[in-house]
Amino acid sequence: MDNVEEYSVTIETKWQEAYQSLAKVIAENIPEGFILQMQYGMPTYVVPLSVFPAGYLGRKNEPLPFISLAAQKRHLSLYHMGIMGDKELLSWFQAEYQKVVPTKLNMGKSCIRFSNPKYIPYELIGELVRKISMDDWIASYTHFTEKNSK
């Protein structure tokens, strides 16, 4: 699948409304500069190569991903790369999530999974998306990769 529109129409009916709402919240709150494209088979906001030519993992033809949204069989997945390396942001999100969602947070390193469309905290996700500018994300990613290459 090559484009975001194609991806959106292939989503199972039970996830369609929640996916569209989540995609809208992300689009309305994404900081300036990120662009939306397909990456790793899902719609992803990336840092354009014109801004960060080093690319993701040193791949000069692959833009640095920031936020992806995918519809899986059993859940919606929101991949927020910035949350993975920012302990303060992660702690904030975990605490705020507990305040507004009655179910347990289902999360991996950068993946937030929503298995019940009724319990998606759209306002909180919008706030999370706004918390890291493109420049902040580039700086964080660069610091992380430099630290791990030593």
C-alpha atoms as a PDB file:
ATOM      1  CA  MET A   1       0.000   0.000   0.000  1.00  0.00           C
ATOM      2  CA  ASP A   2       1.483   3.291  -1.093  1.00  0.00           C
ATOM      3  CA  ASN A   3      -0.710   6.005   0.313  1.00  0.00           C
ATOM      4  CA  VAL A   4      -2.529   7.048   3.441  1.00  0.00           C
ATOM      5  CA  GLU A   5      -5.954   7.215   1.783  1.00  0.00           C
ATOM      6  CA  GLU A   6      -5.673   3.619   0.532  1.00  0.00           C
ATOM      7  CA  TYR A   7      -4.664   2.491   4.020  1.00  0.00           C
ATOM      8  CA  SER A   8      -7.601   4.254   5.652  1.00  0.00           C
ATOM      9  CA  VAL A   9     -10.231   2.501   3.544  1.00  0.00           C
ATOM     10  CA  THR A  10      -8.849  -0.965   4.295  1.00  0.00           C
ATOM     11  CA  ILE A  11      -9.439  -0.682   8.039  1.00  0.00           C
ATOM     12  CA  GLU A  12     -11.969  -3.070   9.573  1.00  0.00           C
ATOM     13  CA  THR A  13     -15.377  -1.512  10.187  1.00  0.00           C
ATOM     14  CA  LYS A  14     -15.154  -1.913  13.975  1.00  0.00           C
ATOM     15  CA  TRP A  15     -11.998   0.281  14.031  1.00  0.00           C
ATOM     16  CA  GLN A  16     -12.919   2.733  11.277  1.00  0.00           C
ATOM     17  CA  GLU A  17     -14.525   5.497  13.362  1.00  0.00           C
ATOM     18  CA  ALA A  18     -11.964   5.371  16.169  1.00  0.00           C
ATOM     19  CA  TYR A  19      -9.098   5.279  13.668  1.00  0.00           C
ATOM     20  CA  GLN A  20     -10.430   8.304  11.780  1.00  0.00           C
ATOM     21  CA  SER A  21     -10.954  10.220  15.048  1.00  0.00           C
ATOM     22  CA  LEU A  22      -7.464   9.409  16.259  1.00  0.00           C
ATOM     23  CA  ALA A  23      -5.928  10.317  12.905  1.00  0.00           C
ATOM     24  CA  LYS A  24      -7.771  13.662  13.020  1.00  0.00           C
ATOM     25  CA  VAL A  25      -6.551  14.426  16.558  1.00  0.00           C
ATOM     26  CA  ILE A  26      -2.975  13.693  15.510  1.00  0.00           C
ATOM     27  CA  ALA A  27      -3.263  15.801  12.343  1.00  0.00           C
ATOM     28  CA  GLU A  28      -4.731  18.735  14.280  1.00  0.00           C
ATOM     29  CA  ASN A  29      -2.010  18.632  16.945  1.00  0.00           C
ATOM     30  CA  ILE A  30       1.166  17.575  15.131  1.00  0.00           C
ATOM     31  CA  PRO A  31       3.829  20.278  15.468  1.00  0.00           C
ATOM     32  CA  GLU A  32       4.890  22.188  12.383  1.00  0.00           C
ATOM     33  CA  GLY A  33       7.296  20.575   9.938  1.00  0.00           C
ATOM     34  CA  PHE A  34       6.376  16.893  10.141  1.00  0.00           C
ATOM     35  CA  ILE A  35       4.948  15.354   6.987  1.00  0.00           C
ATOM     36  CA  LEU A  36       2.558  12.428   6.658  1.00  0.00           C
ATOM     37  CA  GLN A  37       3.546   9.492   4.465  1.00  0.00           C
ATOM     38  CA  MET A  38       3.447   5.722   4.448  1.00  0.00           C
ATOM     39  CA  GLN A  39       6.377   4.150   6.276  1.00  0.00           C
ATOM     40  CA  TYR A  40       6.653   0.549   7.484  1.00  0.00           C
ATOM     41  CA  GLY A  41       3.193  -0.122   6.048  1.00  0.00           C
ATOM     42  CA  MET A  42       1.346   2.514   8.094  1.00  0.00           C
ATOM     43  CA  PRO A  43       0.644   6.250   7.998  1.00  0.00           C
ATOM     44  CA  THR A  44       3.566   7.976   9.713  1.00  0.00           C
ATOM     45  CA  TYR A  45       4.501  11.546  10.482  1.00  0.00           C
ATOM     46  CA  VAL A  46       8.179  11.886   9.638  1.00  0.00           C
ATOM     47  CA  VAL A  47      10.938  14.469   9.648  1.00  0.00           C
ATOM     48  CA  PRO A  48      11.550  15.199   5.958  1.00  0.00           C
ATOM     49  CA  LEU A  49      14.942  14.220   4.563  1.00  0.00           C
ATOM     50  CA  SER A  50      15.373  17.853   3.504  1.00  0.00           C
ATOM     51  CA  VAL A  51      15.415  18.743   7.228  1.00  0.00           C
ATOM     52  CA  PHE A  52      17.262  15.663   8.559  1.00  0.00           C
ATOM     53  CA  PRO A  53      19.290  14.208   5.656  1.00  0.00           C
ATOM     54  CA  ALA A  54      21.058  11.661   7.888  1.00  0.00           C
ATOM     55  CA  GLY A  55      17.832   9.648   7.814  1.00  0.00           C
ATOM     56  CA  TYR A  56      16.549   7.031  10.218  1.00  0.00           C
ATOM     57  CA  LEU A  57      19.263   4.703  11.529  1.00  0.00           C
ATOM     58  CA  GLY A  58      21.705   6.289   9.085  1.00  0.00           C
ATOM     59  CA  ARG A  59      19.601   5.317   6.073  1.00  0.00           C
ATOM     60  CA  LYS A  60      19.836   8.412   3.888  1.00  0.00           C
ATOM     61  CA  ASN A  61      16.737   7.426   1.904  1.00  0.00           C
ATOM     62  CA  GLU A  62      14.484   6.852   4.940  1.00  0.00           C
ATOM     63  CA  PRO A  63      12.987   9.801   6.842  1.00  0.00           C
ATOM     64  CA  LEU A  64      13.098   9.854  10.639  1.00  0.00           C
ATOM     65  CA  PRO A  65       9.707   8.572  11.917  1.00  0.00           C
ATOM     66  CA  PHE A  66       7.938  10.331  14.770  1.00  0.00           C
ATOM     67  CA  ILE A  67       4.322   9.159  15.099  1.00  0.00           C
ATOM     68  CA  SER A  68       2.601   6.285  13.299  1.00  0.00           C
ATOM     69  CA  LEU A  69      -0.969   5.055  13.509  1.00  0.00           C
ATOM     70  CA  ALA A  70      -1.982   1.527  12.583  1.00  0.00           C
ATOM     71  CA  ALA A  71      -5.157  -0.531  12.732  1.00  0.00           C
ATOM     72  CA  GLN A  72      -4.376  -4.075  13.787  1.00  0.00           C
ATOM     73  CA  LYS A  73      -6.773  -6.987  14.082  1.00  0.00           C
ATOM     74  CA  ARG A  74      -7.269  -6.620  17.849  1.00  0.00           C
ATOM     75  CA  HIS A  75      -6.331  -2.983  18.496  1.00  0.00           C
ATOM     76  CA  LEU A  76      -5.284   0.408  17.201  1.00  0.00           C
ATOM     77  CA  SER A  77      -1.590   1.124  17.635  1.00  0.00           C
ATOM     78  CA  LEU A  78      -0.159   4.581  18.136  1.00  0.00           C
ATOM     79  CA  TYR A  79       3.624   4.566  17.818  1.00  0.00           C
ATOM     80  CA  HIS A  80       5.125   7.674  19.410  1.00  0.00           C
ATOM     81  CA  MET A  81       8.891   7.457  18.971  1.00  0.00           C
ATOM     82  CA  GLY A  82       9.521  10.498  21.167  1.00  0.00           C
ATOM     83  CA  ILE A  83       8.020   8.884  24.248  1.00  0.00           C
ATOM     84  CA  MET A  84      10.550   6.042  24.144  1.00  0.00           C
ATOM     85  CA  GLY A  85      13.612   8.109  25.029  1.00  0.00           C
ATOM     86  CA  ASP A  86      11.995  10.719  27.262  1.00  0.00           C
ATOM     87  CA  LYS A  87      11.384   9.305  30.741  1.00  0.00           C
ATOM     88  CA  GLU A  88       9.747  12.518  31.947  1.00  0.00           C
ATOM     89  CA  LEU A  89       7.278  12.532  29.051  1.00  0.00           C
ATOM     90  CA  LEU A  90       6.571   8.827  29.526  1.00  0.00           C
ATOM     91  CA  SER A  91       5.893   9.287  33.252  1.00  0.00           C
ATOM     92  CA  TRP A  92       3.621  12.251  32.531  1.00  0.00           C
ATOM     93  CA  PHE A  93       1.661  10.258  29.944  1.00  0.00           C
ATOM     94  CA  GLN A  94       1.297   7.196  32.179  1.00  0.00           C
ATOM     95  CA  ALA A  95       0.025   9.315  35.098  1.00  0.00           C
ATOM     96  CA  GLU A  96      -2.403  11.305  32.940  1.00  0.00           C
ATOM     97  CA  TYR A  97      -3.675   8.155  31.223  1.00  0.00           C
ATOM     98  CA  GLN A  98      -4.581   6.626  34.600  1.00  0.00           C
ATOM     99  CA  LYS A  99      -6.576   9.760  35.441  1.00  0.00           C
ATOM    100  CA  VAL A 100      -8.781   9.633  32.339  1.00  0.00           C
ATOM    101  CA  VAL A 101      -9.016   5.979  31.273  1.00  0.00           C
ATOM    102  CA  PRO A 102     -10.543   3.282  33.505  1.00  0.00           C
ATOM    103  CA  THR A 103      -8.608   0.464  31.821  1.00  0.00           C
ATOM    104  CA  LYS A 104      -4.950  -0.448  32.230  1.00  0.00           C
ATOM    105  CA  LEU A 105      -2.485   1.178  29.833  1.00  0.00           C
ATOM    106  CA  ASN A 106      -1.338  -1.339  27.212  1.00  0.00           C
ATOM    107  CA  MET A 107       2.005  -0.085  26.027  1.00  0.00           C
ATOM    108  CA  GLY A 108       5.345  -1.218  24.640  1.00  0.00           C
ATOM    109  CA  LYS A 109       8.459   0.949  24.244  1.00  0.00           C
ATOM    110  CA  SER A 110       6.855   3.391  21.822  1.00  0.00           C
ATOM    111  CA  CYS A 111       3.561   1.664  21.056  1.00  0.00           C
ATOM    112  CA  ILE A 112       0.313   2.587  22.787  1.00  0.00           C
ATOM    113  CA  ARG A 113      -2.378  -0.018  22.072  1.00  0.00           C
ATOM    114  CA  PHE A 114      -6.094   0.730  22.227  1.00  0.00           C
ATOM    115  CA  SER A 115      -8.177  -2.445  22.305  1.00  0.00           C
ATOM    116  CA  ASN A 116     -11.489  -0.760  23.144  1.00  0.00           C
ATOM    117  CA  PRO A 117     -12.559   2.181  20.971  1.00  0.00           C
ATOM    118  CA  LYS A 118     -14.666   3.523  23.870  1.00  0.00           C
ATOM    119  CA  TYR A 119     -11.548   4.183  25.955  1.00  0.00           C
ATOM    120  CA  ILE A 120      -9.350   6.213  23.644  1.00  0.00           C
ATOM    121  CA  PRO A 121      -8.350   9.448  25.411  1.00  0.00           C
ATOM    122  CA  TYR A 122      -8.405  11.709  22.346  1.00  0.00           C
ATOM    123  CA  GLU A 123      -7.747  14.929  24.245  1.00  0.00           C
ATOM    124  CA  LEU A 124      -4.773  13.388  26.053  1.00  0.00           C
ATOM    125  CA  ILE A 125      -3.364  12.039  22.781  1.00  0.00           C
ATOM    126  CA  GLY A 126      -3.646  15.522  21.277  1.00  0.00           C
ATOM    127  CA  GLU A 127      -1.716  16.923  24.220  1.00  0.00           C
ATOM    128  CA  LEU A 128       0.932  14.197  23.902  1.00  0.00           C
ATOM    129  CA  VAL A 129       1.361  14.893  20.186  1.00  0.00           C
ATOM    130  CA  ARG A 130       1.912  18.622  20.855  1.00  0.00           C
ATOM    131  CA  LYS A 131       4.586  18.094  23.520  1.00  0.00           C
ATOM    132  CA  ILE A 132       7.585  17.522  21.216  1.00  0.00           C
ATOM    133  CA  SER A 133       8.480  19.897  18.392  1.00  0.00           C
ATOM    134  CA  MET A 134      10.295  18.650  15.321  1.00  0.00           C
ATOM    135  CA  ASP A 135      13.515  20.319  16.490  1.00  0.00           C
ATOM    136  CA  ASP A 136      13.169  18.704  19.931  1.00  0.00           C
ATOM    137  CA  TRP A 137      12.579  15.289  18.330  1.00  0.00           C
ATOM    138  CA  ILE A 138      15.637  15.615  16.091  1.00  0.00           C
ATOM    139  CA  ALA A 139      17.781  16.673  19.065  1.00  0.00           C
ATOM    140  CA  SER A 140      16.497  13.800  21.203  1.00  0.00           C
ATOM    141  CA  TYR A 141      16.993  11.231  18.442  1.00  0.00           C
ATOM    142  CA  THR A 142      20.491  12.549  17.652  1.00  0.00           C
ATOM    143  CA  HIS A 143      21.475  12.465  21.333  1.00  0.00           C
ATOM    144  CA  PHE A 144      20.154   8.914  21.695  1.00  0.00           C
ATOM    145  CA  THR A 145      21.931   7.590  18.599  1.00  0.00           C
ATOM    146  CA  GLU A 146      25.213   9.301  19.475  1.00  0.00           C
ATOM    147  CA  LYS A 147      25.078   7.953  23.042  1.00  0.00           C
ATOM    148  CA  ASN A 148      24.394   4.419  21.804  1.00  0.00           C
ATOM    149  CA  SER A 149      27.086   4.459  19.130  1.00  0.00           C
ATOM    150  CA  LYS A 150      29.878   4.978  21.675  1.00  0.00           C
END
